[in-house]
């Protein structure tokens, strides 16, 4: 089996991708310093797969510690690089921390790939590189617009770092995956979004519905969209995960047309925040307590994907519709709640 290193493997998308990789015949090791990820994710992944996944608790901004992983695993053939800070709002308030973490970790992992001759690399990018696009749906050849947040800028710079690295390393194959808004959870309800204070809208919806939050805020209803709220392309996390597997297979099999290629990962359907809430209320039967607030700094008005390139070249298809996205997210939230209620503090006896 080919060994793949997944950085950020204890995170939301990283954990789900490990499952898809293993189910498609790869051996996987993970690196995650647990500053944002959780060991609960790896433990859940292991439960689903019925096998142990090694995680190295290493900060990738430390080059020596990162090199040690490659020294211990000389048979790594590919890397999927998720590890990054990803909060748009936090990046607006802490831009230097985002540049330090997201760019230094990428540079170090590329240094190790070069040093240890690992020639297959998949970079976790984002639709945020498009900023507020000039036309929709966005295609991969659309020029970058001014980013709406420092987080988005780190993804733009990260892509350019990869592109420049590939120019001087012709044998090095890189896929840049620009994914849109990952949502949902594994169908087993064993893993999902573990972040207890998420900013992403779907876990905020489910936490509000189950009572963890008193209410939720829709940030703006005065945008130039069909109902005034922002439009996004929501895509199930397992569809995103499978695209990473297919991207690796694509370059390992030498089917790539150049040594640095870009693919959009979205459903191609734009959904407003208010439509998303309506879809959740329909599948759950729960009336959501939400209010309309002011616009939020860093938010793009409207973006959704043209995904024809990924379908044609990677052989990738989305399998989950909006109802499945919301139902798996709701099932996951209920599973978390049931587990929390089952684990009660022991009574203290004198």
C-alpha atoms as a PDB file:
ATOM      1  CA  UNK A   1       0.000   0.000   0.000  1.00  0.00           C
ATOM      2  CA  UNK A   2       1.194   3.508  -0.823  1.00  0.00           C
ATOM      3  CA  UNK A   3       1.784   5.630   2.271  1.00  0.00           C
ATOM      4  CA  UNK A   4       0.232   9.091   2.391  1.00  0.00           C
ATOM      5  CA  UNK A   5       0.966  11.820   4.929  1.00  0.00           C
ATOM      6  CA  UNK A   6      -2.110  13.862   5.832  1.00  0.00           C
ATOM      7  CA  UNK A   7      -1.331  17.115   7.630  1.00  0.00           C
ATOM      8  CA  UNK A   8      -4.149  18.355   9.823  1.00  0.00           C
ATOM      9  CA  UNK A   9      -5.487  14.816  10.024  1.00  0.00           C
ATOM     10  CA  UNK A  10      -7.293  15.499  13.314  1.00  0.00           C
ATOM     11  CA  UNK A  11      -9.334  18.256  11.716  1.00  0.00           C
ATOM     12  CA  UNK A  12     -12.768  18.148  10.145  1.00  0.00           C
ATOM     13  CA  UNK A  13     -11.862  17.585   6.492  1.00  0.00           C
ATOM     14  CA  UNK A  14      -8.592  15.797   7.261  1.00  0.00           C
ATOM     15  CA  UNK A  15     -10.282  13.113   9.337  1.00  0.00           C
ATOM     16  CA  UNK A  16     -12.955  12.392   6.744  1.00  0.00           C
ATOM     17  CA  UNK A  17     -10.297  12.265   4.016  1.00  0.00           C
ATOM     18  CA  UNK A  18      -8.277   9.681   5.941  1.00  0.00           C
ATOM     19  CA  UNK A  19     -11.314   7.392   5.844  1.00  0.00           C
ATOM     20  CA  UNK A  20     -11.690   7.781   2.083  1.00  0.00           C
ATOM     21  CA  UNK A  21      -7.977   7.207   1.495  1.00  0.00           C
ATOM     22  CA  UNK A  22      -7.861   4.007   3.551  1.00  0.00           C
ATOM     23  CA  UNK A  23     -11.064   2.717   1.960  1.00  0.00           C
ATOM     24  CA  UNK A  24      -9.378   3.209  -1.421  1.00  0.00           C
ATOM     25  CA  UNK A  25      -6.294   1.198  -0.525  1.00  0.00           C
ATOM     26  CA  UNK A  26      -3.852   3.769   0.857  1.00  0.00           C
ATOM     27  CA  UNK A  27      -1.879   3.591   4.094  1.00  0.00           C
ATOM     28  CA  UNK A  28      -2.151   6.858   6.025  1.00  0.00           C
ATOM     29  CA  UNK A  29      -0.190   8.657   8.735  1.00  0.00           C
ATOM     30  CA  UNK A  30      -1.288  11.973  10.189  1.00  0.00           C
ATOM     31  CA  UNK A  31       0.436  15.025  11.619  1.00  0.00           C
ATOM     32  CA  UNK A  32      -1.582  17.435  13.748  1.00  0.00           C
ATOM     33  CA  UNK A  33      -0.358  19.519  16.677  1.00  0.00           C
ATOM     34  CA  UNK A  34      -3.919  19.495  18.105  1.00  0.00           C
ATOM     35  CA  UNK A  35      -4.006  23.294  18.416  1.00  0.00           C
ATOM     36  CA  UNK A  36      -7.171  23.213  16.296  1.00  0.00           C
ATOM     37  CA  UNK A  37      -7.749  19.511  15.672  1.00  0.00           C
ATOM     38  CA  UNK A  38      -8.899  16.876  18.171  1.00  0.00           C
ATOM     39  CA  UNK A  39      -7.803  13.364  19.047  1.00  0.00           C
ATOM     40  CA  UNK A  40     -11.519  12.563  19.119  1.00  0.00           C
ATOM     41  CA  UNK A  41     -11.383  12.771  15.338  1.00  0.00           C
ATOM     42  CA  UNK A  42      -8.603  10.192  14.987  1.00  0.00           C
ATOM     43  CA  UNK A  43     -10.255   7.914  17.540  1.00  0.00           C
ATOM     44  CA  UNK A  44     -13.506   8.121  15.572  1.00  0.00           C
ATOM     45  CA  UNK A  45     -11.693   7.449  12.323  1.00  0.00           C
ATOM     46  CA  UNK A  46     -10.056   4.392  13.879  1.00  0.00           C
ATOM     47  CA  UNK A  47     -13.430   3.137  15.077  1.00  0.00           C
ATOM     48  CA  UNK A  48     -14.925   3.457  11.600  1.00  0.00           C
ATOM     49  CA  UNK A  49     -11.945   1.835   9.867  1.00  0.00           C
ATOM     50  CA  UNK A  50     -11.197  -0.776  12.514  1.00  0.00           C
ATOM     51  CA  UNK A  51      -7.484   0.060  12.432  1.00  0.00           C
ATOM     52  CA  UNK A  52      -4.991   2.374  14.129  1.00  0.00           C
ATOM     53  CA  UNK A  53      -3.935   5.642  12.506  1.00  0.00           C
ATOM     54  CA  UNK A  54      -0.604   7.072  13.673  1.00  0.00           C
ATOM     55  CA  UNK A  55      -0.716  10.799  14.470  1.00  0.00           C
ATOM     56  CA  UNK A  56       2.414  12.861  15.092  1.00  0.00           C
ATOM     57  CA  UNK A  57       1.778  15.761  17.450  1.00  0.00           C
ATOM     58  CA  UNK A  58       4.072  18.153  15.604  1.00  0.00           C
ATOM     59  CA  UNK A  59       3.840  21.841  14.766  1.00  0.00           C
ATOM     60  CA  UNK A  60       4.790  22.077  11.099  1.00  0.00           C
ATOM     61  CA  UNK A  61       6.271  25.529  11.660  1.00  0.00           C
ATOM     62  CA  UNK A  62       9.133  23.659  13.356  1.00  0.00           C
ATOM     63  CA  UNK A  63      11.262  22.336  10.490  1.00  0.00           C
ATOM     64  CA  UNK A  64      13.382  19.922  12.562  1.00  0.00           C
ATOM     65  CA  UNK A  65      10.330  18.200  14.027  1.00  0.00           C
ATOM     66  CA  UNK A  66       8.719  18.033  10.599  1.00  0.00           C
ATOM     67  CA  UNK A  67      11.844  16.465   9.079  1.00  0.00           C
ATOM     68  CA  UNK A  68      11.799  13.817  11.818  1.00  0.00           C
ATOM     69  CA  UNK A  69       8.463  12.508  10.493  1.00  0.00           C
ATOM     70  CA  UNK A  70       9.984  11.948   7.050  1.00  0.00           C
ATOM     71  CA  UNK A  71      13.099  10.350   8.513  1.00  0.00           C
ATOM     72  CA  UNK A  72      10.893   7.870  10.356  1.00  0.00           C
ATOM     73  CA  UNK A  73       8.740   7.260   7.242  1.00  0.00           C
ATOM     74  CA  UNK A  74      11.042   7.100   4.186  1.00  0.00           C
ATOM     75  CA  UNK A  75       8.291   5.357   2.191  1.00  0.00           C
ATOM     76  CA  UNK A  76       5.885   8.341   2.015  1.00  0.00           C
ATOM     77  CA  UNK A  77       4.756   8.724  -1.615  1.00  0.00           C
ATOM     78  CA  UNK A  78       2.278  11.559  -1.296  1.00  0.00           C
ATOM     79  CA  UNK A  79       1.204  14.444   0.952  1.00  0.00           C
ATOM     80  CA  UNK A  80      -2.173  16.071   1.453  1.00  0.00           C
ATOM     81  CA  UNK A  81      -1.667  19.398   3.192  1.00  0.00           C
ATOM     82  CA  UNK A  82      -4.707  20.558   5.199  1.00  0.00           C
ATOM     83  CA  UNK A  83      -2.964  21.968   8.268  1.00  0.00           C
ATOM     84  CA  UNK A  84      -3.793  25.671   8.552  1.00  0.00           C
ATOM     85  CA  UNK A  85      -5.740  28.157  10.621  1.00  0.00           C
ATOM     86  CA  UNK A  86      -9.061  28.713   8.853  1.00  0.00           C
ATOM     87  CA  UNK A  87     -11.239  31.232  10.704  1.00  0.00           C
ATOM     88  CA  UNK A  88     -12.063  34.191   8.459  1.00  0.00           C
ATOM     89  CA  UNK A  89     -13.113  36.354  11.392  1.00  0.00           C
ATOM     90  CA  UNK A  90     -10.046  35.449  13.482  1.00  0.00           C
ATOM     91  CA  UNK A  91      -7.741  36.169  10.561  1.00  0.00           C
ATOM     92  CA  UNK A  92      -9.169  39.677  10.260  1.00  0.00           C
ATOM     93  CA  UNK A  93      -8.195  40.301  13.884  1.00  0.00           C
ATOM     94  CA  UNK A  94      -4.892  38.375  13.848  1.00  0.00           C
ATOM     95  CA  UNK A  95      -3.442  38.664  10.336  1.00  0.00           C
ATOM     96  CA  UNK A  96       0.219  38.189  11.287  1.00  0.00           C
ATOM     97  CA  UNK A  97      -0.539  34.965  13.151  1.00  0.00           C
ATOM     98  CA  UNK A  98      -2.312  33.630  10.050  1.00  0.00           C
ATOM     99  CA  UNK A  99       0.577  34.537   7.748  1.00  0.00           C
ATOM    100  CA  UNK A 100       3.098  33.025  10.182  1.00  0.00           C
ATOM    101  CA  UNK A 101       1.270  29.757  10.662  1.00  0.00           C
ATOM    102  CA  UNK A 102      -0.267  29.062   7.274  1.00  0.00           C
ATOM    103  CA  UNK A 103       2.723  30.057   5.150  1.00  0.00           C
ATOM    104  CA  UNK A 104       5.585  28.759   7.298  1.00  0.00           C
ATOM    105  CA  UNK A 105       3.944  25.352   7.667  1.00  0.00           C
ATOM    106  CA  UNK A 106       3.490  25.109   3.893  1.00  0.00           C
ATOM    107  CA  UNK A 107       7.084  26.133   3.210  1.00  0.00           C
ATOM    108  CA  UNK A 108       8.426  23.559   5.667  1.00  0.00           C
ATOM    109  CA  UNK A 109       6.327  20.720   4.275  1.00  0.00           C
ATOM    110  CA  UNK A 110       7.492  21.575   0.740  1.00  0.00           C
ATOM    111  CA  UNK A 111      11.120  21.685   1.933  1.00  0.00           C
ATOM    112  CA  UNK A 112      10.686  18.182   3.329  1.00  0.00           C
ATOM    113  CA  UNK A 113       8.983  16.957   0.165  1.00  0.00           C
ATOM    114  CA  UNK A 114      11.994  18.201  -1.818  1.00  0.00           C
ATOM    115  CA  UNK A 115      14.558  16.834   0.630  1.00  0.00           C
ATOM    116  CA  UNK A 116      12.978  13.387   0.890  1.00  0.00           C
ATOM    117  CA  UNK A 117      11.901  13.146  -2.774  1.00  0.00           C
ATOM    118  CA  UNK A 118       8.159  12.969  -2.182  1.00  0.00           C
ATOM    119  CA  UNK A 119       6.810  14.112  -5.535  1.00  0.00           C
ATOM    120  CA  UNK A 120       3.010  13.979  -5.118  1.00  0.00           C
ATOM    121  CA  UNK A 121       1.400  16.887  -3.289  1.00  0.00           C
ATOM    122  CA  UNK A 122      -2.196  18.040  -2.815  1.00  0.00           C
ATOM    123  CA  UNK A 123      -2.744  21.525  -1.386  1.00  0.00           C
ATOM    124  CA  UNK A 124      -5.920  22.419   0.455  1.00  0.00           C
ATOM    125  CA  UNK A 125      -6.942  25.743  -1.054  1.00  0.00           C
ATOM    126  CA  UNK A 126     -10.256  27.562  -0.973  1.00  0.00           C
ATOM    127  CA  UNK A 127     -12.849  29.355  -3.052  1.00  0.00           C
ATOM    128  CA  UNK A 128     -11.927  32.393  -0.957  1.00  0.00           C
ATOM    129  CA  UNK A 129      -9.077  33.001  -3.437  1.00  0.00           C
ATOM    130  CA  UNK A 130     -11.698  34.327  -5.875  1.00  0.00           C
ATOM    131  CA  UNK A 131     -12.747  37.165  -3.545  1.00  0.00           C
ATOM    132  CA  UNK A 132     -15.988  38.701  -4.844  1.00  0.00           C
ATOM    133  CA  UNK A 133     -15.922  37.155  -8.337  1.00  0.00           C
ATOM    134  CA  UNK A 134     -16.766  39.134 -11.468  1.00  0.00           C
ATOM    135  CA  UNK A 135     -18.847  36.312 -12.960  1.00  0.00           C
ATOM    136  CA  UNK A 136     -20.520  33.109 -11.792  1.00  0.00           C
ATOM    137  CA  UNK A 137     -20.075  30.206 -11.621  1.00  0.00           C
ATOM    138  CA  UNK A 138     -16.343  30.633 -11.090  1.00  0.00           C
ATOM    139  CA  UNK A 139     -13.906  28.645 -13.211  1.00  0.00           C
ATOM    140  CA  UNK A 140     -10.338  27.737 -12.380  1.00  0.00           C
ATOM    141  CA  UNK A 141      -8.894  30.227 -14.866  1.00  0.00           C
ATOM    142  CA  UNK A 142     -10.560  33.224 -13.211  1.00  0.00           C
ATOM    143  CA  UNK A 143      -7.896  35.687 -11.984  1.00  0.00           C
ATOM    144  CA  UNK A 144      -7.611  36.301  -8.266  1.00  0.00           C
ATOM    145  CA  UNK A 145      -9.663  39.208  -6.955  1.00  0.00           C
ATOM    146  CA  UNK A 146      -8.723  41.224  -3.889  1.00  0.00           C
ATOM    147  CA  UNK A 147      -9.121  38.789  -0.961  1.00  0.00           C
ATOM    148  CA  UNK A 148     -11.793  39.591   1.614  1.00  0.00           C
ATOM    149  CA  UNK A 149      -9.695  38.356   4.569  1.00  0.00           C
ATOM    150  CA  UNK A 150      -6.104  37.580   5.585  1.00  0.00           C
ATOM    151  CA  UNK A 151      -7.111  33.889   5.613  1.00  0.00           C
ATOM    152  CA  UNK A 152      -8.036  34.139   1.933  1.00  0.00           C
ATOM    153  CA  UNK A 153      -4.771  35.936   1.210  1.00  0.00           C
ATOM    154  CA  UNK A 154      -2.796  33.072   2.796  1.00  0.00           C
ATOM    155  CA  UNK A 155      -4.504  30.702   0.363  1.00  0.00           C
ATOM    156  CA  UNK A 156      -3.678  32.936  -2.594  1.00  0.00           C
ATOM    157  CA  UNK A 157      -0.042  33.181  -1.504  1.00  0.00           C
ATOM    158  CA  UNK A 158       0.050  29.461  -0.711  1.00  0.00           C
ATOM    159  CA  UNK A 159      -1.031  28.613  -4.251  1.00  0.00           C
ATOM    160  CA  UNK A 160       1.646  30.897  -5.695  1.00  0.00           C
ATOM    161  CA  UNK A 161       4.289  29.277  -3.472  1.00  0.00           C
ATOM    162  CA  UNK A 162       3.273  25.865  -4.842  1.00  0.00           C
ATOM    163  CA  UNK A 163       3.296  27.130  -8.428  1.00  0.00           C
ATOM    164  CA  UNK A 164       6.757  28.692  -8.093  1.00  0.00           C
ATOM    165  CA  UNK A 165       8.076  25.557  -6.391  1.00  0.00           C
ATOM    166  CA  UNK A 166       6.806  23.422  -9.287  1.00  0.00           C
ATOM    167  CA  UNK A 167       8.570  25.626 -11.839  1.00  0.00           C
ATOM    168  CA  UNK A 168      11.984  24.626 -10.490  1.00  0.00           C
ATOM    169  CA  UNK A 169      11.025  21.016  -9.653  1.00  0.00           C
ATOM    170  CA  UNK A 170       9.644  19.558 -12.863  1.00  0.00           C
ATOM    171  CA  UNK A 171       9.291  16.075 -11.368  1.00  0.00           C
ATOM    172  CA  UNK A 172       7.140  17.439  -8.525  1.00  0.00           C
ATOM    173  CA  UNK A 173       3.384  17.074  -9.083  1.00  0.00           C
ATOM    174  CA  UNK A 174       0.956  19.370  -7.278  1.00  0.00           C
ATOM    175  CA  UNK A 175      -2.822  19.606  -7.274  1.00  0.00           C
ATOM    176  CA  UNK A 176      -4.434  22.759  -5.870  1.00  0.00           C
ATOM    177  CA  UNK A 177      -7.973  21.988  -4.716  1.00  0.00           C
ATOM    178  CA  UNK A 178     -10.193  25.030  -4.278  1.00  0.00           C
ATOM    179  CA  UNK A 179     -13.121  23.811  -2.297  1.00  0.00           C
ATOM    180  CA  UNK A 180     -16.196  25.697  -1.444  1.00  0.00           C
ATOM    181  CA  UNK A 181     -18.184  25.190   1.803  1.00  0.00           C
ATOM    182  CA  UNK A 182     -17.754  21.700   3.301  1.00  0.00           C
ATOM    183  CA  UNK A 183     -20.691  20.593   5.474  1.00  0.00           C
ATOM    184  CA  UNK A 184     -22.245  17.437   6.890  1.00  0.00           C
ATOM    185  CA  UNK A 185     -20.727  14.453   8.653  1.00  0.00           C
ATOM    186  CA  UNK A 186     -19.844  10.807   8.086  1.00  0.00           C
ATOM    187  CA  UNK A 187     -22.956   8.681   7.593  1.00  0.00           C
ATOM    188  CA  UNK A 188     -22.067   6.624  10.700  1.00  0.00           C
ATOM    189  CA  UNK A 189     -22.437   9.741  12.900  1.00  0.00           C
ATOM    190  CA  UNK A 190     -19.183   8.683  14.583  1.00  0.00           C
ATOM    191  CA  UNK A 191     -17.264  11.709  13.301  1.00  0.00           C
ATOM    192  CA  UNK A 192     -18.235  15.198  12.193  1.00  0.00           C
ATOM    193  CA  UNK A 193     -17.348  18.756  13.181  1.00  0.00           C
ATOM    194  CA  UNK A 194     -15.838  18.505  16.684  1.00  0.00           C
ATOM    195  CA  UNK A 195     -15.323  22.245  17.172  1.00  0.00           C
ATOM    196  CA  UNK A 196     -17.582  23.257  20.062  1.00  0.00           C
ATOM    197  CA  UNK A 197     -17.534  26.933  19.047  1.00  0.00           C
ATOM    198  CA  UNK A 198     -17.732  26.746  15.250  1.00  0.00           C
ATOM    199  CA  UNK A 199     -18.060  29.731  12.942  1.00  0.00           C
ATOM    200  CA  UNK A 200     -19.247  27.741   9.931  1.00  0.00           C
ATOM    201  CA  UNK A 201     -22.965  28.149   9.418  1.00  0.00           C
ATOM    202  CA  UNK A 202     -24.161  24.509   9.394  1.00  0.00           C
ATOM    203  CA  UNK A 203     -22.795  23.480  12.821  1.00  0.00           C
ATOM    204  CA  UNK A 204     -24.077  26.808  14.140  1.00  0.00           C
ATOM    205  CA  UNK A 205     -27.510  25.870  12.792  1.00  0.00           C
ATOM    206  CA  UNK A 206     -27.462  22.415  14.380  1.00  0.00           C
ATOM    207  CA  UNK A 207     -26.158  23.718  17.714  1.00  0.00           C
ATOM    208  CA  UNK A 208     -28.956  26.290  17.775  1.00  0.00           C
ATOM    209  CA  UNK A 209     -31.570  23.684  16.921  1.00  0.00           C
ATOM    210  CA  UNK A 210     -30.468  21.338  19.706  1.00  0.00           C
ATOM    211  CA  UNK A 211     -30.250  24.104  22.298  1.00  0.00           C
ATOM    212  CA  UNK A 212     -26.499  24.583  22.702  1.00  0.00           C
ATOM    213  CA  UNK A 213     -27.025  28.123  21.464  1.00  0.00           C
ATOM    214  CA  UNK A 214     -29.944  30.360  22.378  1.00  0.00           C
ATOM    215  CA  UNK A 215     -30.148  31.674  18.831  1.00  0.00           C
ATOM    216  CA  UNK A 216     -28.044  32.299  15.737  1.00  0.00           C
ATOM    217  CA  UNK A 217     -27.381  35.313  13.577  1.00  0.00           C
ATOM    218  CA  UNK A 218     -27.690  35.597   9.816  1.00  0.00           C
ATOM    219  CA  UNK A 219     -25.038  38.166   8.950  1.00  0.00           C
ATOM    220  CA  UNK A 220     -26.817  40.538   6.594  1.00  0.00           C
ATOM    221  CA  UNK A 221     -30.037  40.376   4.600  1.00  0.00           C
ATOM    222  CA  UNK A 222     -29.368  43.413   2.426  1.00  0.00           C
ATOM    223  CA  UNK A 223     -26.973  41.889  -0.110  1.00  0.00           C
ATOM    224  CA  UNK A 224     -27.818  41.951  -3.814  1.00  0.00           C
ATOM    225  CA  UNK A 225     -29.036  38.338  -3.825  1.00  0.00           C
ATOM    226  CA  UNK A 226     -32.458  36.745  -4.242  1.00  0.00           C
ATOM    227  CA  UNK A 227     -33.315  36.964  -0.523  1.00  0.00           C
ATOM    228  CA  UNK A 228     -30.642  39.387   0.693  1.00  0.00           C
ATOM    229  CA  UNK A 229     -28.408  36.800   2.398  1.00  0.00           C
ATOM    230  CA  UNK A 230     -25.014  35.555   1.184  1.00  0.00           C
ATOM    231  CA  UNK A 231     -24.858  32.754  -1.383  1.00  0.00           C
ATOM    232  CA  UNK A 232     -22.467  29.822  -1.030  1.00  0.00           C
ATOM    233  CA  UNK A 233     -21.816  26.465  -2.670  1.00  0.00           C
ATOM    234  CA  UNK A 234     -22.287  23.898   0.113  1.00  0.00           C
ATOM    235  CA  UNK A 235     -20.710  20.494  -0.473  1.00  0.00           C
ATOM    236  CA  UNK A 236     -20.671  17.361   1.660  1.00  0.00           C
ATOM    237  CA  UNK A 237     -17.411  16.697   3.472  1.00  0.00           C
ATOM    238  CA  UNK A 238     -17.201  13.123   2.150  1.00  0.00           C
ATOM    239  CA  UNK A 239     -17.460  14.399  -1.434  1.00  0.00           C
ATOM    240  CA  UNK A 240     -14.579  16.742  -0.627  1.00  0.00           C
ATOM    241  CA  UNK A 241     -12.664  13.836   0.935  1.00  0.00           C
ATOM    242  CA  UNK A 242     -13.097  11.647  -2.127  1.00  0.00           C
ATOM    243  CA  UNK A 243     -11.806  14.408  -4.394  1.00  0.00           C
ATOM    244  CA  UNK A 244      -8.511  14.415  -2.470  1.00  0.00           C
ATOM    245  CA  UNK A 245      -8.161  10.673  -2.991  1.00  0.00           C
ATOM    246  CA  UNK A 246      -8.904  11.031  -6.692  1.00  0.00           C
ATOM    247  CA  UNK A 247      -6.429  13.915  -6.991  1.00  0.00           C
ATOM    248  CA  UNK A 248      -3.662  11.773  -5.499  1.00  0.00           C
ATOM    249  CA  UNK A 249      -4.517   8.840  -7.760  1.00  0.00           C
ATOM    250  CA  UNK A 250      -4.483  11.224 -10.730  1.00  0.00           C
ATOM    251  CA  UNK A 251      -0.894  12.376 -10.181  1.00  0.00           C
ATOM    252  CA  UNK A 252       0.456   9.043  -8.918  1.00  0.00           C
ATOM    253  CA  UNK A 253      -0.818   7.463 -12.156  1.00  0.00           C
ATOM    254  CA  UNK A 254       0.804  10.272 -14.226  1.00  0.00           C
ATOM    255  CA  UNK A 255      -2.506  11.347 -15.759  1.00  0.00           C
ATOM    256  CA  UNK A 256      -1.893  15.027 -15.014  1.00  0.00           C
ATOM    257  CA  UNK A 257      -1.473  17.414 -17.945  1.00  0.00           C
ATOM    258  CA  UNK A 258       1.060  19.626 -16.130  1.00  0.00           C
ATOM    259  CA  UNK A 259       2.919  19.420 -12.823  1.00  0.00           C
ATOM    260  CA  UNK A 260       0.661  22.008 -11.158  1.00  0.00           C
ATOM    261  CA  UNK A 261      -3.079  21.837 -11.788  1.00  0.00           C
ATOM    262  CA  UNK A 262      -6.082  23.505 -10.183  1.00  0.00           C
ATOM    263  CA  UNK A 263      -9.569  22.111  -9.567  1.00  0.00           C
ATOM    264  CA  UNK A 264     -12.751  23.590  -8.118  1.00  0.00           C
ATOM    265  CA  UNK A 265     -14.607  21.360  -5.668  1.00  0.00           C
ATOM    266  CA  UNK A 266     -18.232  22.420  -5.375  1.00  0.00           C
ATOM    267  CA  UNK A 267     -21.664  21.200  -6.374  1.00  0.00           C
ATOM    268  CA  UNK A 268     -22.189  24.066  -8.804  1.00  0.00           C
ATOM    269  CA  UNK A 269     -25.301  25.200  -6.939  1.00  0.00           C
ATOM    270  CA  UNK A 270     -25.508  28.478  -5.060  1.00  0.00           C
ATOM    271  CA  UNK A 271     -27.619  28.375  -1.879  1.00  0.00           C
ATOM    272  CA  UNK A 272     -28.464  31.400   0.270  1.00  0.00           C
ATOM    273  CA  UNK A 273     -28.076  31.276   4.042  1.00  0.00           C
ATOM    274  CA  UNK A 274     -31.837  31.645   4.452  1.00  0.00           C
ATOM    275  CA  UNK A 275     -32.439  28.797   1.976  1.00  0.00           C
ATOM    276  CA  UNK A 276     -29.984  26.666   3.940  1.00  0.00           C
ATOM    277  CA  UNK A 277     -31.937  27.346   7.136  1.00  0.00           C
ATOM    278  CA  UNK A 278     -35.183  26.421   5.370  1.00  0.00           C
ATOM    279  CA  UNK A 279     -33.650  23.149   4.140  1.00  0.00           C
ATOM    280  CA  UNK A 280     -32.580  22.287   7.675  1.00  0.00           C
ATOM    281  CA  UNK A 281     -36.008  23.076   9.121  1.00  0.00           C
ATOM    282  CA  UNK A 282     -37.576  20.799   6.500  1.00  0.00           C
ATOM    283  CA  UNK A 283     -35.408  17.735   7.221  1.00  0.00           C
ATOM    284  CA  UNK A 284     -35.323  18.176  11.009  1.00  0.00           C
ATOM    285  CA  UNK A 285     -38.829  19.421  11.723  1.00  0.00           C
ATOM    286  CA  UNK A 286     -37.242  22.005  14.054  1.00  0.00           C
ATOM    287  CA  UNK A 287     -38.081  25.690  13.777  1.00  0.00           C
ATOM    288  CA  UNK A 288     -34.799  27.556  14.084  1.00  0.00           C
ATOM    289  CA  UNK A 289     -34.442  30.576  16.355  1.00  0.00           C
ATOM    290  CA  UNK A 290     -32.429  33.038  14.281  1.00  0.00           C
ATOM    291  CA  UNK A 291     -32.109  36.788  13.942  1.00  0.00           C
ATOM    292  CA  UNK A 292     -30.827  39.093  11.238  1.00  0.00           C
ATOM    293  CA  UNK A 293     -27.614  40.917  12.096  1.00  0.00           C
ATOM    294  CA  UNK A 294     -25.183  43.275  10.415  1.00  0.00           C
ATOM    295  CA  UNK A 295     -22.860  42.191   7.656  1.00  0.00           C
ATOM    296  CA  UNK A 296     -19.695  40.441   8.853  1.00  0.00           C
ATOM    297  CA  UNK A 297     -16.196  41.575   7.907  1.00  0.00           C
ATOM    298  CA  UNK A 298     -14.504  39.239   5.437  1.00  0.00           C
ATOM    299  CA  UNK A 299     -17.676  37.739   3.943  1.00  0.00           C
ATOM    300  CA  UNK A 300     -17.963  37.388   0.158  1.00  0.00           C
ATOM    301  CA  UNK A 301     -21.417  38.179  -1.234  1.00  0.00           C
ATOM    302  CA  UNK A 302     -21.884  35.292  -3.638  1.00  0.00           C
ATOM    303  CA  UNK A 303     -19.724  32.448  -4.932  1.00  0.00           C
ATOM    304  CA  UNK A 304     -20.359  29.021  -6.407  1.00  0.00           C
ATOM    305  CA  UNK A 305     -18.364  26.676  -8.595  1.00  0.00           C
ATOM    306  CA  UNK A 306     -18.103  25.459 -12.108  1.00  0.00           C
ATOM    307  CA  UNK A 307     -16.915  21.905 -11.356  1.00  0.00           C
ATOM    308  CA  UNK A 308     -16.714  20.535 -14.906  1.00  0.00           C
ATOM    309  CA  UNK A 309     -12.928  20.272 -14.873  1.00  0.00           C
ATOM    310  CA  UNK A 310     -12.819  18.059 -11.758  1.00  0.00           C
ATOM    311  CA  UNK A 311     -15.571  15.863 -13.149  1.00  0.00           C
ATOM    312  CA  UNK A 312     -13.848  15.409 -16.492  1.00  0.00           C
ATOM    313  CA  UNK A 313     -10.205  15.038 -15.481  1.00  0.00           C
ATOM    314  CA  UNK A 314     -10.417  13.518 -11.994  1.00  0.00           C
ATOM    315  CA  UNK A 315     -13.514  11.414 -12.666  1.00  0.00           C
ATOM    316  CA  UNK A 316     -15.081  12.956  -9.572  1.00  0.00           C
ATOM    317  CA  UNK A 317     -18.800  13.259  -8.878  1.00  0.00           C
ATOM    318  CA  UNK A 318     -20.717  14.665  -5.924  1.00  0.00           C
ATOM    319  CA  UNK A 319     -22.939  12.053  -4.276  1.00  0.00           C
ATOM    320  CA  UNK A 320     -24.691  14.046  -1.543  1.00  0.00           C
ATOM    321  CA  UNK A 321     -27.509  16.542  -2.145  1.00  0.00           C
ATOM    322  CA  UNK A 322     -28.445  19.426   0.168  1.00  0.00           C
ATOM    323  CA  UNK A 323     -30.909  17.281   2.106  1.00  0.00           C
ATOM    324  CA  UNK A 324     -28.215  14.652   2.762  1.00  0.00           C
ATOM    325  CA  UNK A 325     -25.785  17.329   3.866  1.00  0.00           C
ATOM    326  CA  UNK A 326     -28.227  18.706   6.415  1.00  0.00           C
ATOM    327  CA  UNK A 327     -29.479  15.315   7.615  1.00  0.00           C
ATOM    328  CA  UNK A 328     -25.965  13.947   8.277  1.00  0.00           C
ATOM    329  CA  UNK A 329     -25.075  17.180  10.087  1.00  0.00           C
ATOM    330  CA  UNK A 330     -28.228  16.916  12.228  1.00  0.00           C
ATOM    331  CA  UNK A 331     -27.651  13.210  12.943  1.00  0.00           C
ATOM    332  CA  UNK A 332     -24.110  14.069  14.037  1.00  0.00           C
ATOM    333  CA  UNK A 333     -25.317  16.825  16.357  1.00  0.00           C
ATOM    334  CA  UNK A 334     -27.813  14.438  17.959  1.00  0.00           C
ATOM    335  CA  UNK A 335     -25.134  11.766  18.354  1.00  0.00           C
ATOM    336  CA  UNK A 336     -22.890  14.275  20.142  1.00  0.00           C
ATOM    337  CA  UNK A 337     -25.736  15.281  22.419  1.00  0.00           C
ATOM    338  CA  UNK A 338     -26.616  11.664  23.226  1.00  0.00           C
ATOM    339  CA  UNK A 339     -22.996  10.891  24.089  1.00  0.00           C
ATOM    340  CA  UNK A 340     -22.753  13.934  26.341  1.00  0.00           C
ATOM    341  CA  UNK A 341     -25.897  12.923  28.229  1.00  0.00           C
ATOM    342  CA  UNK A 342     -24.664   9.333  28.584  1.00  0.00           C
ATOM    343  CA  UNK A 343     -21.373  10.421  30.142  1.00  0.00           C
ATOM    344  CA  UNK A 344     -22.574  11.789  33.475  1.00  0.00           C
ATOM    345  CA  UNK A 345     -20.253  12.834  36.323  1.00  0.00           C
ATOM    346  CA  UNK A 346     -19.887  10.211  39.004  1.00  0.00           C
ATOM    347  CA  UNK A 347     -21.583  10.947  42.297  1.00  0.00           C
ATOM    348  CA  UNK A 348     -19.238  11.673  45.161  1.00  0.00           C
ATOM    349  CA  UNK A 349     -19.912   9.478  48.151  1.00  0.00           C
ATOM    350  CA  UNK A 350     -18.551  10.113  51.610  1.00  0.00           C
END
